[in-house]
Structures are given as structure tokens and as C-alpha cells.
């Protein structure tokens, strides 16, 4: 059973929480968000989940193995870096960071700490995107 934390429960966070909750081999333990309404929504839907406004609480919980970062893009680098340094596996909603330099740093930290780093590129496998990509490649 993989124990997860979610940082950010705004637009996409509820979808992540639902998928974790529906999986038989994962458990949502913690959710962090700065917005009271979001935390209230988490508690209403998942009463057993711990809530906090400080994502460091998740990182300090040694039972949490992996964290989803589902926050505004401007926060991705710092939060993902903190998670990786805390030796948590990390899934970051796209984009990973603002610059390739930041992305390379996160990759380096993940390798050094022997944890996985993944970026959610949901539309990468979308049939419409694949079709357009193929059309563009044929014209080049």
C-alpha cells in the first residue's frame, strides 16, 4: 500500500485524490492547501485524510512515500525540490518548472536521493494530439 500526500487541492487536486482513493494499492494520507474551502472540501469527501496549510507537515511524515504537487506553476520548483530533498517520490503536474535549468536541478536531486520524479503530461497520449503531431511530422 503506497501512502500519498497531495499538495494543492484546487482545480486538478480533486481528480488526483479520487484516483488515489479508487486504487486498491494506494492510500491518501495527507492534503495541503492554502485555501480553507479546499481543505474543507477534502475533509468532507475524505474525513480520514489529514489536512494542513503547511505542506512541510506532509514532508515531515515519514509514512508518506510519494507526493503529488498540484499547485500553480510558479510554486512547482520549490515545492518539488523540498519533496525530493525529503526523499519522497514526486509527481508534478505540468509543467515541471519554468526553466530547463530548474528541471535539470530537480532531476539531479531526484537521482541523488534515489527517488522518482514524474511530470504529468496528460495530453501527450491524447489521440487528437497524436494525430496533429503525425500531420506536422509528415509535412516536415
Protein backbone atom coordinates (compact mmCIF):
# COMPACT_ATOMS: atom_id res chain seq x y z
CA UNK A 1 0.00 0.00 0.00
CA UNK A 2 1.60 3.27 -1.15
CA UNK A 3 0.83 6.19 1.14
CA UNK A 4 0.39 9.55 -0.63
CA UNK A 5 0.18 13.21 0.11
CA UNK A 6 -1.27 15.87 -2.17
CA UNK A 7 -0.04 19.43 -2.20
CA UNK A 8 -2.71 21.57 -3.82
CA UNK A 9 -6.41 20.74 -3.95
CA UNK A 10 -7.65 23.44 -6.29
CA UNK A 11 -8.58 22.62 -9.86
CA UNK A 12 -6.83 19.29 -10.52
CA UNK A 13 -6.22 18.05 -6.96
CA UNK A 14 -9.71 16.55 -6.54
CA UNK A 15 -9.10 14.35 -9.60
CA UNK A 16 -5.81 13.08 -8.16
CA UNK A 17 -7.46 12.41 -4.78
CA UNK A 18 -10.28 10.48 -6.45
CA UNK A 19 -7.87 8.26 -8.40
CA UNK A 20 -5.80 7.53 -5.28
CA UNK A 21 -8.98 6.75 -3.35
CA UNK A 22 -10.23 4.37 -6.07
CA UNK A 23 -6.98 2.42 -6.15
CA UNK A 24 -6.76 -0.71 -4.03
CA UNK A 25 -2.99 -0.34 -3.54
CA UNK A 26 -2.75 3.32 -2.53
CA UNK A 27 -3.99 5.47 0.31
CA UNK A 28 -4.34 9.23 0.57
CA UNK A 29 -2.99 10.24 3.98
CA UNK A 30 -2.45 13.99 3.79
CA UNK A 31 -3.57 17.01 1.80
CA UNK A 32 -2.11 20.50 1.95
CA UNK A 33 -3.66 23.64 0.54
CA UNK A 34 -3.62 27.33 1.46
CA UNK A 35 -7.35 27.79 0.85
CA UNK A 36 -9.74 26.98 3.71
CA UNK A 37 -12.55 25.98 1.36
CA UNK A 38 -10.32 23.45 -0.39
CA UNK A 39 -9.33 21.89 2.92
CA UNK A 40 -12.97 21.80 3.99
CA UNK A 41 -13.84 20.03 0.72
CA UNK A 42 -11.13 17.42 1.34
CA UNK A 43 -12.36 16.76 4.87
CA UNK A 44 -15.95 16.47 3.69
CA UNK A 45 -15.13 14.00 0.94
CA UNK A 46 -12.32 12.12 2.75
CA UNK A 47 -12.84 12.52 6.52
CA UNK A 48 -9.87 10.29 7.40
CA UNK A 49 -7.36 12.42 5.45
CA UNK A 50 -5.19 14.79 7.46
CA UNK A 51 -5.33 18.39 6.23
CA UNK A 52 -2.87 21.23 6.63
CA UNK A 53 -1.99 24.64 5.25
CA UNK A 54 1.72 23.85 5.54
CA UNK A 55 3.00 21.28 3.05
CA UNK A 56 6.07 20.77 5.23
CA UNK A 57 3.78 18.72 7.51
CA UNK A 58 3.49 16.16 4.70
CA UNK A 59 7.23 16.12 4.16
CA UNK A 60 7.80 15.56 7.88
CA UNK A 61 5.57 12.49 7.94
CA UNK A 62 7.87 9.51 7.42
CA UNK A 63 4.94 7.28 6.47
CA UNK A 64 4.30 9.30 3.28
CA UNK A 65 6.19 7.72 0.39
CA UNK A 66 5.06 9.88 -2.52
CA UNK A 67 3.63 13.32 -3.11
CA UNK A 68 1.55 14.86 -5.88
CA UNK A 69 2.34 18.53 -6.50
CA UNK A 70 -0.77 20.09 -8.00
CA UNK A 71 -0.17 23.77 -7.34
CA UNK A 72 0.27 26.89 -9.51
CA UNK A 73 3.27 26.61 -11.84
CA UNK A 74 5.22 29.34 -10.07
CA UNK A 75 5.44 27.09 -6.99
CA UNK A 76 6.38 23.81 -8.68
CA UNK A 77 10.16 24.12 -8.48
CA UNK A 78 10.41 25.00 -4.79
CA UNK A 79 7.80 22.50 -3.62
CA UNK A 80 9.13 19.67 -5.80
CA UNK A 81 12.67 20.40 -4.63
CA UNK A 82 11.59 20.29 -0.99
CA UNK A 83 9.78 16.98 -1.59
CA UNK A 84 12.77 15.41 -3.32
CA UNK A 85 15.14 16.57 -0.59
CA UNK A 86 12.76 14.92 1.89
CA UNK A 87 13.27 11.68 -0.06
CA UNK A 88 9.68 11.50 -1.33
CA UNK A 89 8.78 10.25 -4.80
CA UNK A 90 7.20 13.18 -6.65
CA UNK A 91 4.61 13.63 -9.37
CA UNK A 92 4.37 17.24 -10.57
CA UNK A 93 1.52 18.43 -12.72
CA UNK A 94 2.79 20.06 -15.92
CA UNK A 95 4.93 21.98 -16.38
CA UNK A 96 7.67 20.65 -14.12
CA UNK A 97 9.21 24.11 -13.71
CA UNK A 98 9.68 27.41 -15.51
CA UNK A 99 13.11 26.74 -16.97
CA UNK A 100 15.20 23.85 -18.22
CA UNK A 101 17.82 24.80 -15.60
CA UNK A 102 15.27 24.25 -12.82
CA UNK A 103 14.16 20.99 -14.41
CA UNK A 104 17.75 19.73 -14.60
CA UNK A 105 18.27 20.61 -10.94
CA UNK A 106 15.18 18.65 -9.91
CA UNK A 107 16.31 15.65 -11.97
CA UNK A 108 19.73 15.80 -10.31
CA UNK A 109 18.22 15.97 -6.81
CA UNK A 110 15.90 13.04 -7.57
CA UNK A 111 18.87 10.91 -8.71
CA UNK A 112 20.97 11.89 -5.70
CA UNK A 113 18.16 10.94 -3.32
CA UNK A 114 17.20 7.76 -5.20
CA UNK A 115 13.57 8.83 -5.68
CA UNK A 116 11.34 9.03 -8.74
CA UNK A 117 10.34 12.32 -10.33
CA UNK A 118 7.48 12.35 -12.83
CA UNK A 119 5.66 15.06 -14.74
CA UNK A 120 2.00 14.77 -15.68
CA UNK A 121 1.75 15.31 -19.41
CA UNK A 122 -1.85 14.20 -19.70
CA UNK A 123 -2.35 15.22 -23.32
CA UNK A 124 0.83 13.55 -24.52
CA UNK A 125 -1.21 10.40 -25.17
CA UNK A 126 -4.39 12.12 -26.34
CA UNK A 127 -5.47 10.75 -29.73
CA UNK A 128 -6.13 14.24 -31.12
CA UNK A 129 -2.67 15.46 -30.12
CA UNK A 130 -1.05 12.35 -31.60
CA UNK A 131 -2.95 12.87 -34.85
CA UNK A 132 -1.84 16.52 -35.14
CA UNK A 133 1.74 15.58 -34.24
CA UNK A 134 1.76 12.98 -37.02
CA UNK A 135 0.40 15.50 -39.53
CA UNK A 136 3.10 18.00 -38.58
CA UNK A 137 5.85 15.40 -38.86
CA UNK A 138 4.69 14.38 -42.35
CA UNK A 139 4.92 17.99 -43.57
CA UNK A 140 8.48 18.48 -42.27
